[in-house]
């Protein structure tokens, strides 16, 4: 196995890892958006009480 082949494999691994991390970030962002919507709905309900 040459250094170039090793680097290519490693780069592929890091790319996959980055993709997983991006997926986690997306999930966190979705959770944040849902929380914001929940808070807005709650504040509207409280406003109309």
PDB file of N, CA and C in Angstrom:
ATOM      1  N   UNK A   1       0.856  -1.205   0.000  1.00  0.00           N
ATOM      2  CA  UNK A   1       0.000   0.000   0.000  1.00  0.00           C
ATOM      3  C   UNK A   1       0.886   1.247   0.000  1.00  0.00           C
ATOM      4  N   UNK A   2       0.726   2.090  -1.009  1.00  0.00           N
ATOM      5  CA  UNK A   2       1.533   3.306  -1.091  1.00  0.00           C
ATOM      6  C   UNK A   2       0.926   4.393  -0.194  1.00  0.00           C
ATOM      7  N   UNK A   3       1.711   5.437   0.051  1.00  0.00           N
ATOM      8  CA  UNK A   3       1.227   6.555   0.881  1.00  0.00           C
ATOM      9  C   UNK A   3      -0.017   7.193   0.265  1.00  0.00           C
ATOM     10  N   UNK A   4      -0.022   7.308  -1.069  1.00  0.00           N
ATOM     11  CA  UNK A   4      -1.155   7.953  -1.752  1.00  0.00           C
ATOM     12  C   UNK A   4      -2.429   7.173  -1.480  1.00  0.00           C
ATOM     13  N   UNK A   5      -2.364   5.840  -1.598  1.00  0.00           N
ATOM     14  CA  UNK A   5      -3.536   5.012  -1.346  1.00  0.00           C
ATOM     15  C   UNK A   5      -4.003   5.171   0.098  1.00  0.00           C
ATOM     16  N   UNK A   6      -3.056   5.182   1.032  1.00  0.00           N
ATOM     17  CA  UNK A   6      -3.386   5.365   2.444  1.00  0.00           C
ATOM     18  C   UNK A   6      -4.083   6.700   2.679  1.00  0.00           C
ATOM     19  N   UNK A   7      -3.555   7.742   2.039  1.00  0.00           N
ATOM     20  CA  UNK A   7      -4.146   9.081   2.183  1.00  0.00           C
ATOM     21  C   UNK A   7      -5.563   9.102   1.637  1.00  0.00           C
ATOM     22  N   UNK A   8      -5.760   8.447   0.485  1.00  0.00           N
ATOM     23  CA  UNK A   8      -7.098   8.429  -0.125  1.00  0.00           C
ATOM     24  C   UNK A   8      -8.084   7.754   0.816  1.00  0.00           C
ATOM     25  N   UNK A   9      -7.672   6.604   1.387  1.00  0.00           N
ATOM     26  CA  UNK A   9      -8.552   5.890   2.316  1.00  0.00           C
ATOM     27  C   UNK A   9      -8.850   6.752   3.536  1.00  0.00           C
ATOM     28  N   UNK A  10      -7.810   7.401   4.063  1.00  0.00           N
ATOM     29  CA  UNK A  10      -7.977   8.236   5.250  1.00  0.00           C
ATOM     30  C   UNK A  10      -8.908   9.398   4.946  1.00  0.00           C
ATOM     31  N   UNK A  11      -8.724  10.004   3.765  1.00  0.00           N
ATOM     32  CA  UNK A  11      -9.562  11.151   3.393  1.00  0.00           C
ATOM     33  C   UNK A  11     -11.018  10.709   3.319  1.00  0.00           C
ATOM     34  N   UNK A  12     -11.246   9.512   2.754  1.00  0.00           N
ATOM     35  CA  UNK A  12     -12.605   8.999   2.668  1.00  0.00           C
ATOM     36  C   UNK A  12     -13.197   8.830   4.056  1.00  0.00           C
ATOM     37  N   UNK A  13     -12.389   8.303   4.974  1.00  0.00           N
ATOM     38  CA  UNK A  13     -12.856   8.089   6.355  1.00  0.00           C
ATOM     39  C   UNK A  13     -13.224   9.421   7.002  1.00  0.00           C
ATOM     40  N   UNK A  14     -12.364  10.430   6.859  1.00  0.00           N
ATOM     41  CA  UNK A  14     -12.640  11.724   7.492  1.00  0.00           C
ATOM     42  C   UNK A  14     -13.882  12.351   6.867  1.00  0.00           C
ATOM     43  N   UNK A  15     -14.028  12.192   5.548  1.00  0.00           N
ATOM     44  CA  UNK A  15     -15.221  12.749   4.900  1.00  0.00           C
ATOM     45  C   UNK A  15     -16.475  12.120   5.487  1.00  0.00           C
ATOM     46  N   UNK A  16     -16.432  10.788   5.679  1.00  0.00           N
ATOM     47  CA  UNK A  16     -17.589  10.102   6.229  1.00  0.00           C
ATOM     48  C   UNK A  16     -17.854  10.614   7.650  1.00  0.00           C
ATOM     49  N   UNK A  17     -16.783  10.805   8.423  1.00  0.00           N
ATOM     50  CA  UNK A  17     -16.923  11.317   9.784  1.00  0.00           C
ATOM     51  C   UNK A  17     -17.524  12.711   9.792  1.00  0.00           C
ATOM     52  N   UNK A  18     -17.055  13.544   8.860  1.00  0.00           N
ATOM     53  CA  UNK A  18     -17.584  14.907   8.771  1.00  0.00           C
ATOM     54  C   UNK A  18     -19.065  14.884   8.424  1.00  0.00           C
ATOM     55  N   UNK A  19     -19.427  13.965   7.514  1.00  0.00           N
ATOM     56  CA  UNK A  19     -20.835  13.858   7.134  1.00  0.00           C
ATOM     57  C   UNK A  19     -21.681  13.490   8.336  1.00  0.00           C
ATOM     58  N   UNK A  20     -21.192  12.550   9.151  1.00  0.00           N
ATOM     59  CA  UNK A  20     -21.931  12.153  10.355  1.00  0.00           C
ATOM     60  C   UNK A  20     -22.082  13.347  11.287  1.00  0.00           C
ATOM     61  N   UNK A  21     -20.986  14.101  11.445  1.00  0.00           N
ATOM     62  CA  UNK A  21     -21.033  15.276  12.325  1.00  0.00           C
ATOM     63  C   UNK A  21     -22.034  16.296  11.795  1.00  0.00           C
ATOM     64  N   UNK A  22     -22.036  16.496  10.477  1.00  0.00           N
ATOM     65  CA  UNK A  22     -22.992  17.435   9.876  1.00  0.00           C
ATOM     66  C   UNK A  22     -24.419  16.974  10.129  1.00  0.00           C
ATOM     67  N   UNK A  23     -24.629  15.651  10.046  1.00  0.00           N
ATOM     68  CA  UNK A  23     -25.956  15.097  10.315  1.00  0.00           C
ATOM     69  C   UNK A  23     -26.398  15.393  11.729  1.00  0.00           C
ATOM     70  N   UNK A  24     -25.445  15.257  12.678  1.00  0.00           N
ATOM     71  CA  UNK A  24     -25.758  15.559  14.077  1.00  0.00           C
ATOM     72  C   UNK A  24     -26.108  17.035  14.229  1.00  0.00           C
ATOM     73  N   UNK A  25     -25.357  17.893  13.563  1.00  0.00           N
ATOM     74  CA  UNK A  25     -25.630  19.334  13.624  1.00  0.00           C
ATOM     75  C   UNK A  25     -27.031  19.625  13.093  1.00  0.00           C
ATOM     76  N   UNK A  26     -27.376  18.977  11.966  1.00  0.00           N
ATOM     77  CA  UNK A  26     -28.706  19.174  11.383  1.00  0.00           C
ATOM     78  C   UNK A  26     -29.790  18.782  12.377  1.00  0.00           C
ATOM     79  N   UNK A  27     -29.583  17.624  13.035  1.00  0.00           N
ATOM     80  CA  UNK A  27     -30.570  17.150  14.014  1.00  0.00           C
ATOM     81  C   UNK A  27     -30.695  18.155  15.151  1.00  0.00           C
ATOM     82  N   UNK A  28     -29.547  18.669  15.619  1.00  0.00           N
ATOM     83  CA  UNK A  28     -29.569  19.655  16.702  1.00  0.00           C
ATOM     84  C   UNK A  28     -30.320  20.903  16.254  1.00  0.00           C
ATOM     85  N   UNK A  29     -30.084  21.320  15.001  1.00  0.00           N
ATOM     86  CA  UNK A  29     -30.746  22.509  14.464  1.00  0.00           C
ATOM     87  C   UNK A  29     -32.253  22.278  14.404  1.00  0.00           C
ATOM     88  N   UNK A  30     -32.666  21.088  13.957  1.00  0.00           N
ATOM     89  CA  UNK A  30     -34.094  20.761  13.888  1.00  0.00           C
ATOM     90  C   UNK A  30     -34.704  20.812  15.272  1.00  0.00           C
ATOM     91  N   UNK A  31     -33.981  20.235  16.262  1.00  0.00           N
ATOM     92  CA  UNK A  31     -34.473  20.261  17.648  1.00  0.00           C
ATOM     93  C   UNK A  31     -34.648  21.707  18.092  1.00  0.00           C
ATOM     94  N   UNK A  32     -33.670  22.548  17.773  1.00  0.00           N
ATOM     95  CA  UNK A  32     -33.732  23.959  18.146  1.00  0.00           C
ATOM     96  C   UNK A  32     -34.930  24.642  17.509  1.00  0.00           C
ATOM     97  N   UNK A  33     -35.167  24.359  16.228  1.00  0.00           N
ATOM     98  CA  UNK A  33     -36.313  24.955  15.527  1.00  0.00           C
ATOM     99  C   UNK A  33     -37.616  24.512  16.166  1.00  0.00           C
ATOM    100  N   UNK A  34     -37.721  23.214  16.472  1.00  0.00           N
ATOM    101  CA  UNK A  34     -38.943  22.700  17.102  1.00  0.00           C
ATOM    102  C   UNK A  34     -39.159  23.373  18.450  1.00  0.00           C
ATOM    103  N   UNK A  35     -38.074  23.571  19.199  1.00  0.00           N
ATOM    104  CA  UNK A  35     -38.169  24.214  20.505  1.00  0.00           C
ATOM    105  C   UNK A  35     -38.667  25.652  20.333  1.00  0.00           C
ATOM    106  N   UNK A  36     -38.122  26.346  19.333  1.00  0.00           N
ATOM    107  CA  UNK A  36     -38.539  27.732  19.083  1.00  0.00           C
ATOM    108  C   UNK A  36     -40.025  27.786  18.750  1.00  0.00           C
ATOM    109  N   UNK A  37     -40.464  26.859  17.900  1.00  0.00           N
ATOM    110  CA  UNK A  37     -41.887  26.821  17.519  1.00  0.00           C
ATOM    111  C   UNK A  37     -42.734  26.576  18.763  1.00  0.00           C
ATOM    112  N   UNK A  38     -42.281  25.631  19.604  1.00  0.00           N
ATOM    113  CA  UNK A  38     -43.000  25.313  20.843  1.00  0.00           C
ATOM    114  C   UNK A  38     -43.122  26.548  21.724  1.00  0.00           C
ATOM    115  N   UNK A  39     -42.011  27.259  21.880  1.00  0.00           N
ATOM    116  CA  UNK A  39     -41.998  28.460  22.734  1.00  0.00           C
ATOM    117  C   UNK A  39     -42.940  29.526  22.167  1.00  0.00           C
ATOM    118  N   UNK A  40     -42.892  29.708  20.840  1.00  0.00           N
ATOM    119  CA  UNK A  40     -43.752  30.715  20.205  1.00  0.00           C
ATOM    120  C   UNK A  40     -45.219  30.349  20.410  1.00  0.00           C
ATOM    121  N   UNK A  41     -45.555  29.065  20.199  1.00  0.00           N
ATOM    122  CA  UNK A  41     -46.941  28.618  20.400  1.00  0.00           C
ATOM    123  C   UNK A  41     -47.366  28.841  21.847  1.00  0.00           C
ATOM    124  N   UNK A  42     -46.483  28.505  22.782  1.00  0.00           N
ATOM    125  CA  UNK A  42     -46.796  28.657  24.202  1.00  0.00           C
ATOM    126  C   UNK A  42     -47.030  30.137  24.531  1.00  0.00           C
ATOM    127  N   UNK A  43     -46.177  31.007  23.991  1.00  0.00           N
ATOM    128  CA  UNK A  43     -46.321  32.441  24.279  1.00  0.00           C
ATOM    129  C   UNK A  43     -47.625  32.968  23.682  1.00  0.00           C
ATOM    130  N   UNK A  44     -48.007  32.470  22.506  1.00  0.00           N
ATOM    131  CA  UNK A  44     -49.270  32.903  21.874  1.00  0.00           C
ATOM    132  C   UNK A  44     -50.444  32.446  22.739  1.00  0.00           C
ATOM    133  N   UNK A  45     -50.391  31.175  23.196  1.00  0.00           N
ATOM    134  CA  UNK A  45     -51.471  30.649  24.042  1.00  0.00           C
ATOM    135  C   UNK A  45     -51.580  31.463  25.329  1.00  0.00           C
ATOM    136  N   UNK A  46     -50.440  31.783  25.931  1.00  0.00           N
ATOM    137  CA  UNK A  46     -50.439  32.575  27.166  1.00  0.00           C
ATOM    138  C   UNK A  46     -50.986  33.978  26.898  1.00  0.00           C
ATOM    139  N   UNK A  47     -50.668  34.516  25.711  1.00  0.00           N
ATOM    140  CA  UNK A  47     -51.112  35.861  25.357  1.00  0.00           C
ATOM    141  C   UNK A  47     -52.640  35.906  25.252  1.00  0.00           C
ATOM    142  N   UNK A  48     -53.245  34.824  24.719  1.00  0.00           N
ATOM    143  CA  UNK A  48     -54.697  34.811  24.517  1.00  0.00           C
ATOM    144  C   UNK A  48     -55.463  34.417  25.780  1.00  0.00           C
ATOM    145  N   UNK A  49     -54.765  33.982  26.832  1.00  0.00           N
ATOM    146  CA  UNK A  49     -55.477  33.583  28.044  1.00  0.00           C
ATOM    147  C   UNK A  49     -56.094  34.773  28.749  1.00  0.00           C
TER     148      UNK A  49
END
